[in-house]
Amino acid sequence: MSSGKAGSPWFNGKMEEEEEPVRIPITDELDLHTFRPNEVGDLLVDYLEECQKLGILNVRVIHGKGTGTLRTGVHAALSRMKMVESFAWPAGERSGGWGATWVRLKG
């Protein structure tokens, strides 16, 4: 019987199972609350590329208010993306205010 502990013949060196990729629907809104900060960079690029392919050119990215760390990272990434025409923060009272950014993609 496996004890699963280090030193056990059954221990595979991994303490956690690898997670399957998360599939999310492509809409005009990307809520980053459910993702870890280290996942956001690639996710943002991939998501916005898919939006652009589908003709979704105005996307609201929800990064939350918090300390601003995630927002700063999102804005830095958006500034480097050639597909981004512009972005605006805060998003407006009814669109998430300080916790969201509107992104305009090139058509």
Protein backbone atom coordinates (compact mmCIF):
# COMPACT_ATOMS: atom_id res chain seq x y z
CA MET A 1 0.00 0.00 0.00
CA SER A 2 1.28 3.47 -0.88
CA SER A 3 1.99 5.99 1.81
CA GLY A 4 2.62 8.72 -0.77
CA LYS A 5 5.41 10.17 1.38
CA ALA A 6 8.87 11.19 0.24
CA GLY A 7 11.17 8.19 0.57
CA SER A 8 8.31 5.79 -0.13
CA PRO A 9 8.77 3.59 -3.21
CA TRP A 10 5.42 4.98 -4.40
CA PHE A 11 6.31 8.66 -4.14
CA ASN A 12 6.56 10.17 -7.63
CA GLY A 13 8.26 13.43 -6.64
CA LYS A 14 5.14 15.50 -7.16
CA MET A 15 3.24 16.83 -4.20
CA GLU A 16 0.33 18.10 -6.30
CA GLU A 17 -1.44 16.75 -9.33
CA GLU A 18 -0.96 18.73 -12.52
CA GLU A 19 -4.10 20.61 -13.43
CA GLU A 20 -5.89 20.31 -16.75
CA PRO A 21 -6.18 23.51 -18.82
CA VAL A 22 -9.27 25.52 -17.97
CA ARG A 23 -11.61 26.17 -20.88
CA ILE A 24 -13.43 29.48 -20.70
CA PRO A 25 -16.01 30.88 -23.12
CA ILE A 26 -14.80 33.72 -25.32
CA THR A 27 -16.99 36.79 -24.73
CA ASP A 28 -16.45 40.53 -24.42
CA GLU A 29 -15.45 40.08 -20.78
CA LEU A 30 -12.44 38.43 -19.15
CA ASP A 31 -12.65 38.08 -15.37
CA LEU A 32 -9.20 37.40 -13.94
CA HIS A 33 -10.39 36.81 -10.36
CA THR A 34 -10.26 33.02 -10.72
CA PHE A 35 -6.71 32.88 -12.07
CA ARG A 36 -3.35 32.97 -10.31
CA PRO A 37 -1.16 35.99 -11.11
CA ASN A 38 1.42 33.80 -12.88
CA GLU A 39 -1.29 32.57 -15.28
CA VAL A 40 -2.54 35.98 -16.34
CA GLY A 41 0.13 36.97 -18.91
CA ASP A 42 -0.35 34.10 -21.35
CA LEU A 43 -4.08 33.96 -20.68
CA LEU A 44 -4.53 37.64 -21.55
CA VAL A 45 -2.67 37.28 -24.86
CA ASP A 46 -4.49 34.07 -25.84
CA TYR A 47 -7.90 35.42 -24.85
CA LEU A 48 -7.52 38.70 -26.72
CA GLU A 49 -6.22 36.88 -29.82
CA GLU A 50 -9.35 34.71 -29.81
CA CYS A 51 -11.58 37.77 -29.32
CA GLN A 52 -9.93 39.45 -32.28
CA LYS A 53 -10.43 36.34 -34.46
CA LEU A 54 -14.12 36.29 -33.49
CA GLY A 55 -14.56 40.00 -34.21
CA ILE A 56 -14.98 40.94 -30.54
CA LEU A 57 -13.03 44.19 -30.56
CA ASN A 58 -14.16 45.79 -27.27
CA VAL A 59 -13.26 43.66 -24.25
CA ARG A 60 -13.64 44.43 -20.57
CA VAL A 61 -10.83 42.94 -18.48
CA ILE A 62 -11.75 42.61 -14.81
CA HIS A 63 -8.62 42.67 -12.66
CA GLY A 64 -10.15 43.79 -9.37
CA LYS A 65 -9.30 46.79 -7.23
CA GLY A 66 -7.01 45.29 -4.57
CA THR A 67 -3.47 46.64 -4.31
CA GLY A 68 -3.21 47.36 -8.03
CA THR A 69 -0.52 44.77 -8.70
CA LEU A 70 -2.64 42.75 -11.12
CA ARG A 71 -3.93 45.91 -12.84
CA THR A 72 -0.37 47.17 -13.29
CA GLY A 73 0.66 43.85 -14.84
CA VAL A 74 -2.37 43.81 -17.13
CA HIS A 75 -1.69 47.37 -18.30
CA ALA A 76 1.99 46.60 -18.91
CA ALA A 77 1.05 43.55 -20.99
CA LEU A 78 -1.57 45.51 -22.96
CA SER A 79 1.01 48.21 -23.72
CA ARG A 80 3.23 45.61 -25.41
CA MET A 81 0.51 43.95 -27.52
CA LYS A 82 0.40 44.99 -31.18
CA MET A 83 -3.22 43.84 -31.44
CA VAL A 84 -4.33 46.43 -28.85
CA GLU A 85 -5.45 49.72 -30.36
CA SER A 86 -6.06 51.34 -26.96
CA PHE A 87 -7.20 50.69 -23.40
CA ALA A 88 -9.00 52.80 -20.82
CA TRP A 89 -9.00 52.64 -17.03
CA PRO A 90 -11.06 53.02 -14.92
CA ALA A 91 -13.80 51.30 -16.89
CA GLY A 92 -16.65 53.48 -15.65
CA GLU A 93 -19.05 53.05 -12.73
CA ARG A 94 -21.36 50.55 -14.41
CA SER A 95 -18.52 48.58 -15.97
CA GLY A 96 -16.43 47.82 -12.90
CA GLY A 97 -14.85 51.21 -12.22
CA TRP A 98 -11.34 50.99 -10.79
CA GLY A 99 -11.47 47.19 -10.93
CA ALA A 100 -11.73 46.88 -14.72
CA THR A 101 -10.11 48.11 -17.92
CA TRP A 102 -11.71 48.46 -21.35
CA VAL A 103 -9.55 47.18 -24.20
CA ARG A 104 -10.05 48.15 -27.85
CA LEU A 105 -8.53 45.65 -30.29
CA LYS A 106 -7.47 46.44 -33.84
CA GLY A 107 -9.93 45.20 -36.43
